[in-house]
């Protein structure tokens, strides 16, 4: 349990570093960091305004952390253990035996999603596009440039569709199957937030923790 909380903290450090780099939202950085052969439209070049970047990140930080965890397990490829961001392997049975009901349910839900994505043989380019779809959520309220966010979402979605049809022509429903996983990721992220809130209220996570600050910021905007 302690290892999982450390995992969340470490993952969030990576997210905050990315959020401080506006260029992470442009096409060149996308291609360099994710080695994606998917060509995003040339209009996906100008980064979102700083205010919008923070609103977008506040909205989806937990989903991005869950996706990072899930994608790591997909490529870890072992059913009897999970791989933490530190490289440490944790035996799944031992973790479930020590976890409470809430955490055990969260871990099992994550493993079920891992299995579905392993069956799809999700690749790293698709994961990169899914991250963009999660981040550029056009449903986020009070954006300064709503049109831009909607445009990026539509263009990344189109690029992902084209990629799946070109690389996996035998799997014509692959794109729709990937999109169906987004609500599952969102549901897991809500569970993770609730668990984090519970740990905070029980005194195990201090008020000045960055995750708690982000949790409060997100729920204040709902």
C-alpha atoms as a PDB file:
ATOM      1  CA  UNK A   1       0.000   0.000   0.000  1.00  0.00           C
ATOM      2  CA  UNK A   2       2.842   2.369   0.863  1.00  0.00           C
ATOM      3  CA  UNK A   3       4.517   1.420  -2.403  1.00  0.00           C
ATOM      4  CA  UNK A   4       1.382   2.330  -4.363  1.00  0.00           C
ATOM      5  CA  UNK A   5       1.128   5.743  -2.690  1.00  0.00           C
ATOM      6  CA  UNK A   6       4.788   6.358  -3.554  1.00  0.00           C
ATOM      7  CA  UNK A   7       3.968   5.301  -7.111  1.00  0.00           C
ATOM      8  CA  UNK A   8       1.239   7.934  -7.342  1.00  0.00           C
ATOM      9  CA  UNK A   9       3.517  10.668  -5.972  1.00  0.00           C
ATOM     10  CA  UNK A  10       6.337   9.805  -8.386  1.00  0.00           C
ATOM     11  CA  UNK A  11       3.964   9.724 -11.327  1.00  0.00           C
ATOM     12  CA  UNK A  12       2.560  13.110 -10.416  1.00  0.00           C
ATOM     13  CA  UNK A  13       6.063  14.601 -10.335  1.00  0.00           C
ATOM     14  CA  UNK A  14       6.400  13.574 -13.988  1.00  0.00           C
ATOM     15  CA  UNK A  15       3.063  15.207 -14.800  1.00  0.00           C
ATOM     16  CA  UNK A  16       3.988  18.492 -13.131  1.00  0.00           C
ATOM     17  CA  UNK A  17       7.302  18.613 -14.996  1.00  0.00           C
ATOM     18  CA  UNK A  18       5.447  18.139 -18.270  1.00  0.00           C
ATOM     19  CA  UNK A  19       2.925  20.838 -17.409  1.00  0.00           C
ATOM     20  CA  UNK A  20       5.769  23.322 -16.932  1.00  0.00           C
ATOM     21  CA  UNK A  21       6.907  22.795 -20.518  1.00  0.00           C
ATOM     22  CA  UNK A  22       4.449  24.421 -22.964  1.00  0.00           C
ATOM     23  CA  UNK A  23       6.257  22.763 -25.863  1.00  0.00           C
ATOM     24  CA  UNK A  24       5.045  19.394 -24.644  1.00  0.00           C
ATOM     25  CA  UNK A  25       1.789  20.237 -26.391  1.00  0.00           C
ATOM     26  CA  UNK A  26       3.289  20.848 -29.797  1.00  0.00           C
ATOM     27  CA  UNK A  27       3.804  18.438 -32.635  1.00  0.00           C
ATOM     28  CA  UNK A  28       7.613  18.289 -32.532  1.00  0.00           C
ATOM     29  CA  UNK A  29       7.692  17.358 -28.856  1.00  0.00           C
ATOM     30  CA  UNK A  30       4.922  14.828 -29.404  1.00  0.00           C
ATOM     31  CA  UNK A  31       6.972  13.044 -32.051  1.00  0.00           C
ATOM     32  CA  UNK A  32      10.236  13.214 -30.086  1.00  0.00           C
ATOM     33  CA  UNK A  33       8.868  11.991 -26.732  1.00  0.00           C
ATOM     34  CA  UNK A  34       6.601   9.275 -28.084  1.00  0.00           C
ATOM     35  CA  UNK A  35       8.472   8.254 -31.255  1.00  0.00           C
ATOM     36  CA  UNK A  36       5.097   8.335 -32.973  1.00  0.00           C
ATOM     37  CA  UNK A  37       4.859   7.808 -36.683  1.00  0.00           C
ATOM     38  CA  UNK A  38       1.312   9.123 -36.447  1.00  0.00           C
ATOM     39  CA  UNK A  39       1.377  12.486 -38.218  1.00  0.00           C
ATOM     40  CA  UNK A  40      -0.727  14.997 -36.360  1.00  0.00           C
ATOM     41  CA  UNK A  41      -2.105  17.811 -38.538  1.00  0.00           C
ATOM     42  CA  UNK A  42       0.214  20.777 -38.888  1.00  0.00           C
ATOM     43  CA  UNK A  43      -2.214  23.015 -36.989  1.00  0.00           C
ATOM     44  CA  UNK A  44      -1.422  21.149 -33.757  1.00  0.00           C
ATOM     45  CA  UNK A  45       1.666  23.277 -33.198  1.00  0.00           C
ATOM     46  CA  UNK A  46       0.771  26.262 -31.021  1.00  0.00           C
ATOM     47  CA  UNK A  47       0.593  25.267 -27.343  1.00  0.00           C
ATOM     48  CA  UNK A  48      -2.564  25.995 -25.372  1.00  0.00           C
ATOM     49  CA  UNK A  49      -2.612  29.157 -23.250  1.00  0.00           C
ATOM     50  CA  UNK A  50      -1.128  28.727 -19.782  1.00  0.00           C
ATOM     51  CA  UNK A  51      -4.496  29.202 -18.075  1.00  0.00           C
ATOM     52  CA  UNK A  52      -6.059  26.527 -20.252  1.00  0.00           C
ATOM     53  CA  UNK A  53      -3.109  24.190 -19.679  1.00  0.00           C
ATOM     54  CA  UNK A  54      -3.707  24.326 -15.932  1.00  0.00           C
ATOM     55  CA  UNK A  55      -7.469  23.835 -16.289  1.00  0.00           C
ATOM     56  CA  UNK A  56      -6.929  20.853 -18.571  1.00  0.00           C
ATOM     57  CA  UNK A  57      -4.363  19.328 -16.218  1.00  0.00           C
ATOM     58  CA  UNK A  58      -6.514  19.925 -13.134  1.00  0.00           C
ATOM     59  CA  UNK A  59      -9.331  18.096 -14.883  1.00  0.00           C
ATOM     60  CA  UNK A  60      -7.424  14.980 -15.919  1.00  0.00           C
ATOM     61  CA  UNK A  61      -4.311  14.514 -13.778  1.00  0.00           C
ATOM     62  CA  UNK A  62      -5.717  11.414 -12.076  1.00  0.00           C
ATOM     63  CA  UNK A  63      -6.712   9.856 -15.414  1.00  0.00           C
ATOM     64  CA  UNK A  64      -3.204  10.424 -16.758  1.00  0.00           C
ATOM     65  CA  UNK A  65      -1.686   8.808 -13.670  1.00  0.00           C
ATOM     66  CA  UNK A  66      -3.996   5.810 -13.983  1.00  0.00           C
ATOM     67  CA  UNK A  67      -3.205   5.505 -17.702  1.00  0.00           C
ATOM     68  CA  UNK A  68       0.516   5.636 -16.934  1.00  0.00           C
ATOM     69  CA  UNK A  69       0.085   2.846 -14.385  1.00  0.00           C
ATOM     70  CA  UNK A  70      -2.118   0.757 -16.699  1.00  0.00           C
ATOM     71  CA  UNK A  71       0.164   1.123 -19.728  1.00  0.00           C
ATOM     72  CA  UNK A  72       3.156   0.084 -17.609  1.00  0.00           C
ATOM     73  CA  UNK A  73       1.377  -3.111 -16.587  1.00  0.00           C
ATOM     74  CA  UNK A  74       0.337  -3.792 -20.199  1.00  0.00           C
ATOM     75  CA  UNK A  75       3.974  -3.820 -21.275  1.00  0.00           C
ATOM     76  CA  UNK A  76       5.122  -5.496 -18.060  1.00  0.00           C
ATOM     77  CA  UNK A  77       3.097  -8.479 -19.225  1.00  0.00           C
ATOM     78  CA  UNK A  78       2.981 -10.431 -15.961  1.00  0.00           C
ATOM     79  CA  UNK A  79      -0.339 -11.463 -14.435  1.00  0.00           C
ATOM     80  CA  UNK A  80       1.033 -12.270 -10.968  1.00  0.00           C
ATOM     81  CA  UNK A  81       2.868  -9.002 -10.259  1.00  0.00           C
ATOM     82  CA  UNK A  82       2.686  -5.258 -10.890  1.00  0.00           C
ATOM     83  CA  UNK A  83       5.547  -3.007 -11.931  1.00  0.00           C
ATOM     84  CA  UNK A  84       5.981   0.295 -10.089  1.00  0.00           C
ATOM     85  CA  UNK A  85       7.434   3.423 -11.690  1.00  0.00           C
ATOM     86  CA  UNK A  86      10.597   2.846  -9.631  1.00  0.00           C
ATOM     87  CA  UNK A  87      11.148  -0.502 -11.385  1.00  0.00           C
ATOM     88  CA  UNK A  88      10.172  -2.471  -8.300  1.00  0.00           C
ATOM     89  CA  UNK A  89       7.968  -5.521  -8.830  1.00  0.00           C
ATOM     90  CA  UNK A  90       5.230  -6.185  -6.273  1.00  0.00           C
ATOM     91  CA  UNK A  91       3.629  -9.614  -6.045  1.00  0.00           C
ATOM     92  CA  UNK A  92      -0.066  -9.154  -6.779  1.00  0.00           C
ATOM     93  CA  UNK A  93      -1.377 -11.778  -4.366  1.00  0.00           C
ATOM     94  CA  UNK A  94       0.630 -10.302  -1.500  1.00  0.00           C
ATOM     95  CA  UNK A  95      -0.600  -6.796  -2.304  1.00  0.00           C
ATOM     96  CA  UNK A  96      -4.249  -7.876  -2.395  1.00  0.00           C
ATOM     97  CA  UNK A  97      -3.843  -9.779   0.883  1.00  0.00           C
ATOM     98  CA  UNK A  98      -2.561  -6.658   2.647  1.00  0.00           C
ATOM     99  CA  UNK A  99      -4.869  -4.154   0.995  1.00  0.00           C
ATOM    100  CA  UNK A 100      -8.193  -3.074   2.383  1.00  0.00           C
ATOM    101  CA  UNK A 101     -11.426  -3.587   0.480  1.00  0.00           C
ATOM    102  CA  UNK A 102     -11.270  -0.252  -1.371  1.00  0.00           C
ATOM    103  CA  UNK A 103      -7.686  -0.580  -2.552  1.00  0.00           C
ATOM    104  CA  UNK A 104      -8.158  -4.239  -3.494  1.00  0.00           C
ATOM    105  CA  UNK A 105     -11.184  -3.331  -5.611  1.00  0.00           C
ATOM    106  CA  UNK A 106      -9.191  -0.564  -7.301  1.00  0.00           C
ATOM    107  CA  UNK A 107      -6.262  -2.882  -8.062  1.00  0.00           C
ATOM    108  CA  UNK A 108      -8.543  -5.605  -9.432  1.00  0.00           C
ATOM    109  CA  UNK A 109     -10.336  -3.081 -11.641  1.00  0.00           C
ATOM    110  CA  UNK A 110      -6.986  -1.933 -12.953  1.00  0.00           C
ATOM    111  CA  UNK A 111      -5.889  -5.486 -13.717  1.00  0.00           C
ATOM    112  CA  UNK A 112      -9.118  -6.142 -15.623  1.00  0.00           C
ATOM    113  CA  UNK A 113      -8.452  -3.113 -17.813  1.00  0.00           C
ATOM    114  CA  UNK A 114      -4.831  -4.210 -18.267  1.00  0.00           C
ATOM    115  CA  UNK A 115      -6.037  -7.571 -19.518  1.00  0.00           C
ATOM    116  CA  UNK A 116      -8.412  -5.989 -22.043  1.00  0.00           C
ATOM    117  CA  UNK A 117      -5.667  -3.729 -23.380  1.00  0.00           C
ATOM    118  CA  UNK A 118      -3.221  -6.632 -23.560  1.00  0.00           C
ATOM    119  CA  UNK A 119      -5.755  -8.504 -25.676  1.00  0.00           C
ATOM    120  CA  UNK A 120      -5.814  -5.487 -27.999  1.00  0.00           C
ATOM    121  CA  UNK A 121      -1.999  -5.435 -27.946  1.00  0.00           C
ATOM    122  CA  UNK A 122      -2.053  -1.704 -27.320  1.00  0.00           C
ATOM    123  CA  UNK A 123       1.125  -0.067 -28.614  1.00  0.00           C
ATOM    124  CA  UNK A 124       3.007   2.989 -27.370  1.00  0.00           C
ATOM    125  CA  UNK A 125       1.861   5.239 -30.218  1.00  0.00           C
ATOM    126  CA  UNK A 126      -1.759   4.541 -29.366  1.00  0.00           C
ATOM    127  CA  UNK A 127      -1.055   5.269 -25.704  1.00  0.00           C
ATOM    128  CA  UNK A 128       0.455   8.631 -26.701  1.00  0.00           C
ATOM    129  CA  UNK A 129      -2.698   9.535 -28.635  1.00  0.00           C
ATOM    130  CA  UNK A 130      -4.955   8.404 -25.780  1.00  0.00           C
ATOM    131  CA  UNK A 131      -3.025  10.709 -23.440  1.00  0.00           C
ATOM    132  CA  UNK A 132      -3.758  13.622 -25.756  1.00  0.00           C
ATOM    133  CA  UNK A 133      -7.449  12.706 -25.946  1.00  0.00           C
ATOM    134  CA  UNK A 134      -7.623  12.659 -22.153  1.00  0.00           C
ATOM    135  CA  UNK A 135      -5.735  15.942 -21.774  1.00  0.00           C
ATOM    136  CA  UNK A 136      -7.554  17.930 -24.461  1.00  0.00           C
ATOM    137  CA  UNK A 137     -11.020  17.286 -23.121  1.00  0.00           C
ATOM    138  CA  UNK A 138     -13.411  19.751 -24.816  1.00  0.00           C
ATOM    139  CA  UNK A 139     -15.909  19.297 -21.966  1.00  0.00           C
ATOM    140  CA  UNK A 140     -13.670  21.167 -19.502  1.00  0.00           C
ATOM    141  CA  UNK A 141     -15.455  24.317 -18.343  1.00  0.00           C
ATOM    142  CA  UNK A 142     -14.352  27.963 -18.624  1.00  0.00           C
ATOM    143  CA  UNK A 143     -11.581  27.431 -21.170  1.00  0.00           C
ATOM    144  CA  UNK A 144     -10.128  30.590 -22.714  1.00  0.00           C
ATOM    145  CA  UNK A 145      -9.814  28.952 -26.121  1.00  0.00           C
ATOM    146  CA  UNK A 146     -12.489  26.294 -26.366  1.00  0.00           C
ATOM    147  CA  UNK A 147     -12.227  26.138 -30.158  1.00  0.00           C
ATOM    148  CA  UNK A 148      -8.526  25.288 -30.018  1.00  0.00           C
ATOM    149  CA  UNK A 149      -9.040  22.463 -27.518  1.00  0.00           C
ATOM    150  CA  UNK A 150     -11.890  21.020 -29.579  1.00  0.00           C
ATOM    151  CA  UNK A 151      -9.734  21.252 -32.695  1.00  0.00           C
ATOM    152  CA  UNK A 152      -6.815  19.390 -31.085  1.00  0.00           C
ATOM    153  CA  UNK A 153      -9.129  16.687 -29.762  1.00  0.00           C
ATOM    154  CA  UNK A 154     -10.705  16.153 -33.187  1.00  0.00           C
ATOM    155  CA  UNK A 155      -7.353  16.119 -34.983  1.00  0.00           C
ATOM    156  CA  UNK A 156      -5.726  13.671 -32.554  1.00  0.00           C
ATOM    157  CA  UNK A 157      -8.816  11.480 -32.765  1.00  0.00           C
ATOM    158  CA  UNK A 158      -8.561  11.532 -36.553  1.00  0.00           C
ATOM    159  CA  UNK A 159      -4.855  10.724 -36.433  1.00  0.00           C
ATOM    160  CA  UNK A 160      -5.497   7.777 -34.112  1.00  0.00           C
ATOM    161  CA  UNK A 161      -8.259   6.462 -36.390  1.00  0.00           C
ATOM    162  CA  UNK A 162      -5.987   6.702 -39.436  1.00  0.00           C
ATOM    163  CA  UNK A 163      -3.156   4.984 -37.573  1.00  0.00           C
ATOM    164  CA  UNK A 164      -5.273   2.054 -36.416  1.00  0.00           C
ATOM    165  CA  UNK A 165      -6.708   1.533 -39.904  1.00  0.00           C
ATOM    166  CA  UNK A 166      -3.260   1.638 -41.533  1.00  0.00           C
ATOM    167  CA  UNK A 167      -1.317  -0.422 -38.996  1.00  0.00           C
ATOM    168  CA  UNK A 168      -4.071  -2.829 -37.923  1.00  0.00           C
ATOM    169  CA  UNK A 169      -6.290  -3.148 -41.037  1.00  0.00           C
ATOM    170  CA  UNK A 170      -7.487  -6.566 -39.903  1.00  0.00           C
ATOM    171  CA  UNK A 171      -8.983  -5.010 -36.742  1.00  0.00           C
ATOM    172  CA  UNK A 172     -11.575  -2.609 -38.138  1.00  0.00           C
ATOM    173  CA  UNK A 173     -13.146  -2.016 -34.706  1.00  0.00           C
ATOM    174  CA  UNK A 174      -9.851  -1.266 -32.962  1.00  0.00           C
ATOM    175  CA  UNK A 175     -10.416   2.502 -32.852  1.00  0.00           C
ATOM    176  CA  UNK A 176     -13.861   2.148 -31.267  1.00  0.00           C
ATOM    177  CA  UNK A 177     -12.490  -0.422 -28.821  1.00  0.00           C
ATOM    178  CA  UNK A 178      -9.819   2.049 -27.720  1.00  0.00           C
ATOM    179  CA  UNK A 179     -12.382   4.819 -27.207  1.00  0.00           C
ATOM    180  CA  UNK A 180     -14.508   2.452 -25.119  1.00  0.00           C
ATOM    181  CA  UNK A 181     -11.629   2.168 -22.664  1.00  0.00           C
ATOM    182  CA  UNK A 182     -11.712   5.915 -21.884  1.00  0.00           C
ATOM    183  CA  UNK A 183     -14.813   5.730 -19.627  1.00  0.00           C
ATOM    184  CA  UNK A 184     -13.222   2.765 -17.834  1.00  0.00           C
ATOM    185  CA  UNK A 185     -10.067   4.795 -17.227  1.00  0.00           C
ATOM    186  CA  UNK A 186     -12.181   7.678 -15.979  1.00  0.00           C
ATOM    187  CA  UNK A 187     -14.077   5.427 -13.570  1.00  0.00           C
ATOM    188  CA  UNK A 188     -10.814   4.044 -12.178  1.00  0.00           C
ATOM    189  CA  UNK A 189      -9.447   7.560 -11.738  1.00  0.00           C
ATOM    190  CA  UNK A 190     -12.540   8.555  -9.734  1.00  0.00           C
ATOM    191  CA  UNK A 191     -12.017   5.507  -7.510  1.00  0.00           C
ATOM    192  CA  UNK A 192      -8.360   6.470  -7.080  1.00  0.00           C
ATOM    193  CA  UNK A 193      -9.331  10.032  -6.125  1.00  0.00           C
ATOM    194  CA  UNK A 194     -11.847   8.752  -3.590  1.00  0.00           C
ATOM    195  CA  UNK A 195      -9.208   6.445  -2.110  1.00  0.00           C
ATOM    196  CA  UNK A 196      -6.716   9.304  -1.917  1.00  0.00           C
ATOM    197  CA  UNK A 197      -9.344  11.482  -0.223  1.00  0.00           C
ATOM    198  CA  UNK A 198     -10.000   8.704   2.298  1.00  0.00           C
ATOM    199  CA  UNK A 199      -6.268   8.388   3.076  1.00  0.00           C
ATOM    200  CA  UNK A 200      -6.119  12.163   3.524  1.00  0.00           C
ATOM    201  CA  UNK A 201      -9.098  12.256   5.901  1.00  0.00           C
ATOM    202  CA  UNK A 202      -7.603   9.398   7.903  1.00  0.00           C
ATOM    203  CA  UNK A 203      -4.397  11.405   8.357  1.00  0.00           C
ATOM    204  CA  UNK A 204      -2.134   9.232   6.179  1.00  0.00           C
ATOM    205  CA  UNK A 205      -1.662  11.914   3.509  1.00  0.00           C
ATOM    206  CA  UNK A 206      -0.903  15.454   4.802  1.00  0.00           C
ATOM    207  CA  UNK A 207      -2.777  18.597   3.716  1.00  0.00           C
ATOM    208  CA  UNK A 208       0.320  20.116   2.099  1.00  0.00           C
ATOM    209  CA  UNK A 209       0.752  17.135  -0.222  1.00  0.00           C
ATOM    210  CA  UNK A 210       0.716  18.184  -3.897  1.00  0.00           C
ATOM    211  CA  UNK A 211      -1.736  15.431  -4.796  1.00  0.00           C
ATOM    212  CA  UNK A 212      -4.198  16.676  -2.179  1.00  0.00           C
ATOM    213  CA  UNK A 213      -3.844  20.230  -3.487  1.00  0.00           C
ATOM    214  CA  UNK A 214      -4.631  19.009  -7.007  1.00  0.00           C
ATOM    215  CA  UNK A 215      -7.546  16.962  -5.718  1.00  0.00           C
ATOM    216  CA  UNK A 216      -9.031  20.005  -3.972  1.00  0.00           C
ATOM    217  CA  UNK A 217      -8.438  22.180  -7.062  1.00  0.00           C
ATOM    218  CA  UNK A 218     -10.198  19.684  -9.321  1.00  0.00           C
ATOM    219  CA  UNK A 219     -13.228  19.227  -7.090  1.00  0.00           C
ATOM    220  CA  UNK A 220     -13.531  22.981  -6.569  1.00  0.00           C
ATOM    221  CA  UNK A 221     -13.961  23.372 -10.335  1.00  0.00           C
ATOM    222  CA  UNK A 222     -16.707  20.735 -10.629  1.00  0.00           C
END
